[in-house]
Amino acid sequence: MKEQIEENTIQKKSIQDRLRHASCITIESALRNKVNLNVAWYDVHGEQQNQKYTISAGSVIEF
């Protein structure tokens, strides 16, 4: 149950919020006007978390 709640909390954050706290950003692929990113960060317990995002062509993100 706790894991499910934590997963739901992770999903609610926008990419901008995740990038502010990122420890590592990996570009997994860049095909057909889409870029797939894997953003990793450390949570309040010191455990590394990650989430994947897909960015469309023309999208603007700030680091």
N, C-alpha and C. Protein backbone atom coordinates (compact mmCIF):
# COMPACT_ATOMS: atom_id res chain seq x y z
N MET A 1 0.82 -1.19 0.00
CA MET A 1 0.00 0.00 0.00
C MET A 1 0.86 1.26 0.00
N LYS A 2 1.88 1.30 0.84
CA LYS A 2 2.76 2.46 0.92
C LYS A 2 3.47 2.68 -0.41
N GLU A 3 3.93 1.60 -1.05
CA GLU A 3 4.60 1.72 -2.34
C GLU A 3 3.68 2.32 -3.39
N GLN A 4 2.41 1.93 -3.37
CA GLN A 4 1.45 2.45 -4.33
C GLN A 4 1.24 3.96 -4.12
N ILE A 5 1.16 4.39 -2.88
CA ILE A 5 1.00 5.82 -2.58
C ILE A 5 2.22 6.59 -3.05
N GLU A 6 3.42 6.07 -2.80
CA GLU A 6 4.63 6.74 -3.24
C GLU A 6 4.69 6.81 -4.76
N GLU A 7 4.27 5.76 -5.48
CA GLU A 7 4.26 5.78 -6.94
C GLU A 7 3.33 6.87 -7.44
N ASN A 8 2.16 6.99 -6.84
CA ASN A 8 1.21 8.02 -7.25
C ASN A 8 1.77 9.41 -7.00
N THR A 9 2.48 9.60 -5.91
CA THR A 9 3.09 10.88 -5.61
C THR A 9 4.16 11.21 -6.63
N ILE A 10 4.95 10.24 -7.02
CA ILE A 10 5.99 10.43 -8.03
C ILE A 10 5.37 10.87 -9.35
N GLN A 11 4.29 10.28 -9.76
CA GLN A 11 3.67 10.57 -11.05
C GLN A 11 3.09 11.98 -11.13
N LYS A 12 2.74 12.59 -10.02
CA LYS A 12 2.07 13.88 -10.05
C LYS A 12 3.01 15.05 -10.31
N LYS A 13 4.29 14.88 -10.17
CA LYS A 13 5.24 15.98 -10.36
C LYS A 13 5.48 16.23 -11.85
N SER A 14 5.59 17.50 -12.21
CA SER A 14 5.87 17.85 -13.60
C SER A 14 7.37 17.69 -13.88
N ILE A 15 7.72 17.69 -15.13
CA ILE A 15 9.13 17.54 -15.50
C ILE A 15 9.94 18.72 -14.97
N GLN A 16 9.38 19.92 -14.96
CA GLN A 16 10.10 21.09 -14.44
C GLN A 16 10.47 20.89 -12.98
N ASP A 17 9.55 20.36 -12.18
CA ASP A 17 9.84 20.10 -10.77
C ASP A 17 10.92 19.04 -10.62
N ARG A 18 10.84 17.99 -11.43
CA ARG A 18 11.83 16.91 -11.35
C ARG A 18 13.21 17.39 -11.76
N LEU A 19 13.29 18.24 -12.77
CA LEU A 19 14.59 18.73 -13.22
C LEU A 19 15.27 19.58 -12.17
N ARG A 20 14.51 20.29 -11.37
CA ARG A 20 15.10 21.12 -10.31
C ARG A 20 15.82 20.27 -9.26
N HIS A 21 15.35 19.04 -9.06
CA HIS A 21 15.92 18.17 -8.03
C HIS A 21 16.72 17.01 -8.61
N ALA A 22 16.95 17.02 -9.92
CA ALA A 22 17.60 15.89 -10.59
C ALA A 22 19.05 15.72 -10.18
N SER A 23 19.45 14.48 -10.00
CA SER A 23 20.85 14.15 -9.77
C SER A 23 21.48 13.63 -11.06
N CYS A 24 20.64 13.14 -11.96
CA CYS A 24 21.11 12.61 -13.24
C CYS A 24 19.98 12.68 -14.27
N ILE A 25 20.29 13.18 -15.46
CA ILE A 25 19.32 13.22 -16.55
C ILE A 25 19.93 12.46 -17.73
N THR A 26 19.23 11.42 -18.17
CA THR A 26 19.73 10.58 -19.26
C THR A 26 18.79 10.67 -20.45
N ILE A 27 19.37 10.91 -21.63
CA ILE A 27 18.58 10.87 -22.86
C ILE A 27 18.60 9.43 -23.33
N GLU A 28 17.45 8.79 -23.32
CA GLU A 28 17.38 7.38 -23.71
C GLU A 28 17.24 7.21 -25.21
N SER A 29 16.49 8.11 -25.86
CA SER A 29 16.37 8.06 -27.32
C SER A 29 15.85 9.39 -27.83
N ALA A 30 16.13 9.64 -29.09
CA ALA A 30 15.64 10.85 -29.76
C ALA A 30 15.25 10.44 -31.18
N LEU A 31 13.98 10.12 -31.35
CA LEU A 31 13.48 9.64 -32.63
C LEU A 31 12.16 10.32 -32.98
N ARG A 32 11.96 10.56 -34.24
CA ARG A 32 10.68 11.05 -34.77
C ARG A 32 10.09 12.20 -33.96
N ASN A 33 10.89 13.23 -33.79
CA ASN A 33 10.45 14.45 -33.10
C ASN A 33 10.07 14.25 -31.64
N LYS A 34 10.59 13.20 -31.01
CA LYS A 34 10.35 12.98 -29.58
C LYS A 34 11.66 12.59 -28.91
N VAL A 35 11.85 13.09 -27.71
CA VAL A 35 13.03 12.76 -26.91
C VAL A 35 12.56 12.08 -25.65
N ASN A 36 13.11 10.93 -25.35
CA ASN A 36 12.77 10.19 -24.13
C ASN A 36 13.87 10.42 -23.10
N LEU A 37 13.47 10.94 -21.94
CA LEU A 37 14.40 11.25 -20.85
C LEU A 37 14.13 10.36 -19.65
N ASN A 38 15.19 10.04 -18.93
CA ASN A 38 15.07 9.37 -17.65
C ASN A 38 15.68 10.32 -16.61
N VAL A 39 14.85 10.80 -15.70
CA VAL A 39 15.29 11.76 -14.69
C VAL A 39 15.40 11.04 -13.36
N ALA A 40 16.57 11.14 -12.73
CA ALA A 40 16.80 10.49 -11.43
C ALA A 40 17.04 11.56 -10.37
N TRP A 41 16.58 11.31 -9.14
CA TRP A 41 16.76 12.21 -8.01
C TRP A 41 16.78 11.39 -6.74
N TYR A 42 17.19 12.02 -5.65
CA TYR A 42 17.18 11.37 -4.34
C TYR A 42 16.01 11.90 -3.52
N ASP A 43 15.24 10.98 -2.93
CA ASP A 43 14.10 11.39 -2.12
C ASP A 43 14.55 11.79 -0.72
N VAL A 44 13.61 12.13 0.14
CA VAL A 44 13.93 12.60 1.49
C VAL A 44 14.59 11.52 2.35
N HIS A 45 14.48 10.26 1.95
CA HIS A 45 15.09 9.16 2.69
C HIS A 45 16.48 8.81 2.14
N GLY A 46 16.93 9.55 1.12
CA GLY A 46 18.24 9.29 0.53
C GLY A 46 18.24 8.17 -0.49
N GLU A 47 17.06 7.71 -0.88
CA GLU A 47 16.96 6.64 -1.87
C GLU A 47 16.79 7.26 -3.26
N GLN A 48 17.47 6.66 -4.23
CA GLN A 48 17.37 7.18 -5.58
C GLN A 48 16.07 6.74 -6.23
N GLN A 49 15.38 7.69 -6.85
CA GLN A 49 14.14 7.45 -7.57
C GLN A 49 14.38 7.87 -9.02
N ASN A 50 13.55 7.39 -9.94
CA ASN A 50 13.63 7.88 -11.30
C ASN A 50 12.27 7.84 -11.97
N GLN A 51 12.15 8.63 -13.02
CA GLN A 51 10.90 8.69 -13.77
C GLN A 51 11.25 9.01 -15.21
N LYS A 52 10.49 8.41 -16.13
CA LYS A 52 10.72 8.63 -17.55
C LYS A 52 9.72 9.64 -18.09
N TYR A 53 10.20 10.49 -18.99
CA TYR A 53 9.38 11.51 -19.64
C TYR A 53 9.62 11.47 -21.14
N THR A 54 8.60 11.85 -21.91
CA THR A 54 8.74 12.00 -23.35
C THR A 54 8.45 13.46 -23.68
N ILE A 55 9.39 14.09 -24.36
CA ILE A 55 9.28 15.49 -24.74
C ILE A 55 9.07 15.56 -26.24
N SER A 56 8.05 16.29 -26.68
CA SER A 56 7.76 16.46 -28.10
C SER A 56 8.61 17.57 -28.69
N ALA A 57 8.79 17.52 -30.01
CA ALA A 57 9.54 18.56 -30.71
C ALA A 57 8.87 19.90 -30.46
N GLY A 58 9.67 20.93 -30.25
CA GLY A 58 9.15 22.26 -30.01
C GLY A 58 8.90 22.57 -28.54
N SER A 59 8.99 21.58 -27.66
CA SER A 59 8.79 21.80 -26.23
C SER A 59 10.00 22.53 -25.65
N VAL A 60 9.76 23.38 -24.69
CA VAL A 60 10.82 24.12 -24.03
C VAL A 60 10.85 23.72 -22.57
N ILE A 61 12.02 23.31 -22.09
CA ILE A 61 12.20 23.01 -20.67
C ILE A 61 13.41 23.78 -20.16
N GLU A 62 13.39 24.16 -18.90
CA GLU A 62 14.51 24.89 -18.30
C GLU A 62 15.25 23.98 -17.34
N PHE A 63 16.57 24.09 -17.36
CA PHE A 63 17.41 23.32 -16.46
C PHE A 63 17.90 24.21 -15.34
